[in-house]
Amino acid sequence: EKDEPGEEVRITYRELLELTCRLGNTLKRQGVKRGDRVTIYMPPCPLAVASMLACARIGAVHAVVFAGFSAESLADRIRD
């Protein structure tokens, strides 16, 4: 569900799986491998969910950060 009332995005499990696999392959092509750390900086949406699942699928450790933090606070979260 989006921030605006009444607006939502619906995807099927199949669509989520396909998106997750495509993102996982993209991460691998970019050199991300098992045990690497990935920070996901996106608003809550189906793509963010697929990104987390893609990291888990290839064995990369992921952390999720959202907007609304100061630059310093955001940098601290990413370093952690």
N, C-alpha and C. Protein backbone atom coordinates (compact mmCIF):
# COMPACT_ATOMS: atom_id res chain seq x y z
N GLU A 1 0.84 -1.17 0.00
CA GLU A 1 0.00 0.00 0.00
C GLU A 1 0.89 1.24 0.00
N LYS A 2 0.53 2.20 -0.81
CA LYS A 2 1.31 3.43 -0.92
C LYS A 2 0.92 4.41 0.17
N ASP A 3 1.63 5.53 0.21
CA ASP A 3 1.37 6.55 1.22
C ASP A 3 0.01 7.21 1.04
N GLU A 4 -0.42 7.33 -0.20
CA GLU A 4 -1.70 7.95 -0.47
C GLU A 4 -2.82 6.96 -0.17
N PRO A 5 -3.83 7.36 0.58
CA PRO A 5 -4.93 6.45 0.87
C PRO A 5 -5.61 5.95 -0.40
N GLY A 6 -5.89 4.68 -0.42
CA GLY A 6 -6.59 4.09 -1.55
C GLY A 6 -5.70 3.67 -2.70
N GLU A 7 -4.42 3.99 -2.64
CA GLU A 7 -3.49 3.58 -3.69
C GLU A 7 -2.71 2.36 -3.23
N GLU A 8 -2.70 1.36 -4.05
CA GLU A 8 -1.97 0.15 -3.70
C GLU A 8 -1.42 -0.50 -4.96
N VAL A 9 -0.39 -1.32 -4.76
CA VAL A 9 0.20 -2.07 -5.86
C VAL A 9 0.03 -3.54 -5.51
N ARG A 10 -0.49 -4.31 -6.42
CA ARG A 10 -0.67 -5.75 -6.19
C ARG A 10 0.19 -6.51 -7.18
N ILE A 11 0.93 -7.49 -6.65
CA ILE A 11 1.70 -8.38 -7.52
C ILE A 11 1.48 -9.80 -7.05
N THR A 12 1.62 -10.72 -7.96
CA THR A 12 1.43 -12.13 -7.62
C THR A 12 2.74 -12.70 -7.08
N TYR A 13 2.66 -13.86 -6.48
CA TYR A 13 3.87 -14.53 -6.01
C TYR A 13 4.80 -14.82 -7.19
N ARG A 14 4.22 -15.18 -8.32
CA ARG A 14 5.04 -15.46 -9.52
C ARG A 14 5.80 -14.21 -9.97
N GLU A 15 5.09 -13.06 -10.00
CA GLU A 15 5.75 -11.81 -10.37
C GLU A 15 6.86 -11.45 -9.39
N LEU A 16 6.60 -11.67 -8.10
CA LEU A 16 7.61 -11.40 -7.08
C LEU A 16 8.82 -12.30 -7.26
N LEU A 17 8.59 -13.57 -7.55
CA LEU A 17 9.70 -14.51 -7.78
C LEU A 17 10.51 -14.09 -9.00
N GLU A 18 9.84 -13.75 -10.10
CA GLU A 18 10.56 -13.34 -11.31
C GLU A 18 11.39 -12.08 -11.06
N LEU A 19 10.82 -11.11 -10.36
CA LEU A 19 11.54 -9.88 -10.05
C LEU A 19 12.72 -10.17 -9.13
N THR A 20 12.51 -11.03 -8.14
CA THR A 20 13.58 -11.41 -7.22
C THR A 20 14.73 -12.07 -7.96
N CYS A 21 14.43 -12.99 -8.86
CA CYS A 21 15.47 -13.68 -9.63
C CYS A 21 16.22 -12.70 -10.53
N ARG A 22 15.50 -11.80 -11.19
CA ARG A 22 16.16 -10.81 -12.05
C ARG A 22 17.09 -9.91 -11.24
N LEU A 23 16.63 -9.47 -10.08
CA LEU A 23 17.47 -8.62 -9.23
C LEU A 23 18.68 -9.40 -8.70
N GLY A 24 18.47 -10.65 -8.33
CA GLY A 24 19.59 -11.48 -7.87
C GLY A 24 20.64 -11.64 -8.95
N ASN A 25 20.20 -11.88 -10.18
CA ASN A 25 21.15 -12.00 -11.30
C ASN A 25 21.87 -10.68 -11.56
N THR A 26 21.16 -9.57 -11.43
CA THR A 26 21.78 -8.26 -11.61
C THR A 26 22.84 -8.02 -10.54
N LEU A 27 22.52 -8.35 -9.30
CA LEU A 27 23.50 -8.19 -8.22
C LEU A 27 24.74 -9.03 -8.48
N LYS A 28 24.54 -10.27 -8.93
CA LYS A 28 25.69 -11.14 -9.22
C LYS A 28 26.52 -10.58 -10.36
N ARG A 29 25.87 -10.04 -11.39
CA ARG A 29 26.62 -9.44 -12.50
C ARG A 29 27.43 -8.23 -12.04
N GLN A 30 26.95 -7.57 -10.99
CA GLN A 30 27.66 -6.42 -10.44
C GLN A 30 28.76 -6.83 -9.46
N GLY A 31 28.92 -8.14 -9.27
CA GLY A 31 30.00 -8.64 -8.42
C GLY A 31 29.62 -8.95 -6.99
N VAL A 32 28.34 -8.85 -6.66
CA VAL A 32 27.89 -9.18 -5.30
C VAL A 32 27.86 -10.70 -5.16
N LYS A 33 28.46 -11.20 -4.07
CA LYS A 33 28.50 -12.65 -3.86
C LYS A 33 28.15 -12.99 -2.42
N ARG A 34 28.08 -14.28 -2.15
CA ARG A 34 27.73 -14.76 -0.82
C ARG A 34 28.62 -14.11 0.23
N GLY A 35 27.98 -13.60 1.28
CA GLY A 35 28.72 -12.99 2.38
C GLY A 35 28.97 -11.49 2.23
N ASP A 36 28.77 -10.95 1.02
CA ASP A 36 28.93 -9.50 0.83
C ASP A 36 27.82 -8.76 1.57
N ARG A 37 28.07 -7.49 1.85
CA ARG A 37 27.08 -6.65 2.53
C ARG A 37 26.45 -5.69 1.53
N VAL A 38 25.14 -5.58 1.59
CA VAL A 38 24.39 -4.71 0.68
C VAL A 38 23.47 -3.84 1.52
N THR A 39 23.45 -2.55 1.24
CA THR A 39 22.51 -1.64 1.90
C THR A 39 21.43 -1.27 0.89
N ILE A 40 20.19 -1.43 1.29
CA ILE A 40 19.06 -1.12 0.42
C ILE A 40 18.43 0.18 0.92
N TYR A 41 18.45 1.19 0.06
CA TYR A 41 17.92 2.51 0.39
C TYR A 41 16.78 2.80 -0.58
N MET A 42 15.59 2.39 -0.20
CA MET A 42 14.41 2.52 -1.06
C MET A 42 13.19 2.76 -0.18
N PRO A 43 12.15 3.33 -0.75
CA PRO A 43 10.89 3.42 0.00
C PRO A 43 10.26 2.03 0.08
N PRO A 44 9.38 1.82 1.05
CA PRO A 44 8.70 0.53 1.13
C PRO A 44 7.83 0.32 -0.11
N CYS A 45 8.15 -0.72 -0.88
CA CYS A 45 7.41 -1.02 -2.10
C CYS A 45 7.75 -2.46 -2.50
N PRO A 46 7.04 -3.02 -3.46
CA PRO A 46 7.35 -4.39 -3.89
C PRO A 46 8.79 -4.56 -4.36
N LEU A 47 9.36 -3.55 -4.99
CA LEU A 47 10.75 -3.64 -5.45
C LEU A 47 11.72 -3.76 -4.27
N ALA A 48 11.42 -3.07 -3.17
CA ALA A 48 12.25 -3.18 -1.97
C ALA A 48 12.18 -4.60 -1.39
N VAL A 49 10.99 -5.16 -1.38
CA VAL A 49 10.82 -6.54 -0.89
C VAL A 49 11.60 -7.50 -1.78
N ALA A 50 11.48 -7.34 -3.08
CA ALA A 50 12.21 -8.20 -4.02
C ALA A 50 13.72 -8.03 -3.85
N SER A 51 14.17 -6.82 -3.55
CA SER A 51 15.60 -6.58 -3.35
C SER A 51 16.11 -7.32 -2.12
N MET A 52 15.33 -7.29 -1.04
CA MET A 52 15.72 -8.03 0.17
C MET A 52 15.76 -9.54 -0.11
N LEU A 53 14.75 -10.03 -0.81
CA LEU A 53 14.70 -11.45 -1.13
C LEU A 53 15.84 -11.85 -2.06
N ALA A 54 16.20 -10.97 -3.00
CA ALA A 54 17.29 -11.26 -3.93
C ALA A 54 18.61 -11.38 -3.17
N CYS A 55 18.84 -10.49 -2.22
CA CYS A 55 20.05 -10.58 -1.40
C CYS A 55 20.09 -11.90 -0.64
N ALA A 56 18.98 -12.25 -0.03
CA ALA A 56 18.91 -13.51 0.71
C ALA A 56 19.14 -14.70 -0.22
N ARG A 57 18.60 -14.62 -1.42
CA ARG A 57 18.71 -15.71 -2.40
C ARG A 57 20.15 -15.97 -2.80
N ILE A 58 20.96 -14.91 -2.92
CA ILE A 58 22.36 -15.11 -3.33
C ILE A 58 23.30 -15.18 -2.12
N GLY A 59 22.75 -15.04 -0.91
CA GLY A 59 23.57 -15.17 0.29
C GLY A 59 24.26 -13.90 0.73
N ALA A 60 23.83 -12.77 0.22
CA ALA A 60 24.40 -11.49 0.63
C ALA A 60 23.65 -10.99 1.87
N VAL A 61 24.39 -10.42 2.79
CA VAL A 61 23.80 -9.84 3.98
C VAL A 61 23.25 -8.47 3.60
N HIS A 62 22.01 -8.18 3.96
CA HIS A 62 21.45 -6.88 3.59
C HIS A 62 20.96 -6.11 4.81
N ALA A 63 21.01 -4.79 4.69
CA ALA A 63 20.45 -3.89 5.69
C ALA A 63 19.56 -2.92 4.94
N VAL A 64 18.47 -2.54 5.56
CA VAL A 64 17.51 -1.65 4.93
C VAL A 64 17.52 -0.32 5.69
N VAL A 65 17.67 0.78 4.96
CA VAL A 65 17.57 2.10 5.55
C VAL A 65 16.54 2.89 4.74
N PHE A 66 15.82 3.76 5.42
CA PHE A 66 14.79 4.54 4.78
C PHE A 66 15.11 6.02 4.87
N ALA A 67 14.48 6.81 4.04
CA ALA A 67 14.67 8.26 4.06
C ALA A 67 14.15 8.83 5.38
N GLY A 68 14.51 10.04 5.64
CA GLY A 68 14.02 10.69 6.86
C GLY A 68 15.11 10.82 7.90
N PHE A 69 16.27 10.22 7.67
CA PHE A 69 17.38 10.36 8.58
C PHE A 69 18.30 11.48 8.09
N SER A 70 19.03 12.07 9.01
CA SER A 70 20.03 13.06 8.60
C SER A 70 21.14 12.32 7.85
N ALA A 71 21.96 13.07 7.12
CA ALA A 71 23.05 12.46 6.35
C ALA A 71 24.00 11.71 7.29
N GLU A 72 24.30 12.31 8.44
CA GLU A 72 25.21 11.67 9.39
C GLU A 72 24.61 10.38 9.96
N SER A 73 23.35 10.44 10.32
CA SER A 73 22.66 9.27 10.86
C SER A 73 22.57 8.16 9.83
N LEU A 74 22.30 8.53 8.59
CA LEU A 74 22.24 7.57 7.51
C LEU A 74 23.61 6.91 7.29
N ALA A 75 24.66 7.71 7.29
CA ALA A 75 26.02 7.18 7.13
C ALA A 75 26.37 6.21 8.26
N ASP A 76 25.97 6.53 9.48
CA ASP A 76 26.22 5.64 10.62
C ASP A 76 25.50 4.30 10.44
N ARG A 77 24.26 4.36 10.01
CA ARG A 77 23.49 3.13 9.81
C ARG A 77 24.13 2.27 8.72
N ILE A 78 24.57 2.90 7.65
CA ILE A 78 25.19 2.15 6.55
C ILE A 78 26.51 1.52 7.01
N ARG A 79 27.31 2.28 7.77
CA ARG A 79 28.58 1.73 8.27
C ARG A 79 28.34 0.55 9.21
N ASP A 80 27.31 0.66 10.05
CA ASP A 80 27.00 -0.44 10.99
C ASP A 80 26.64 -1.69 10.22
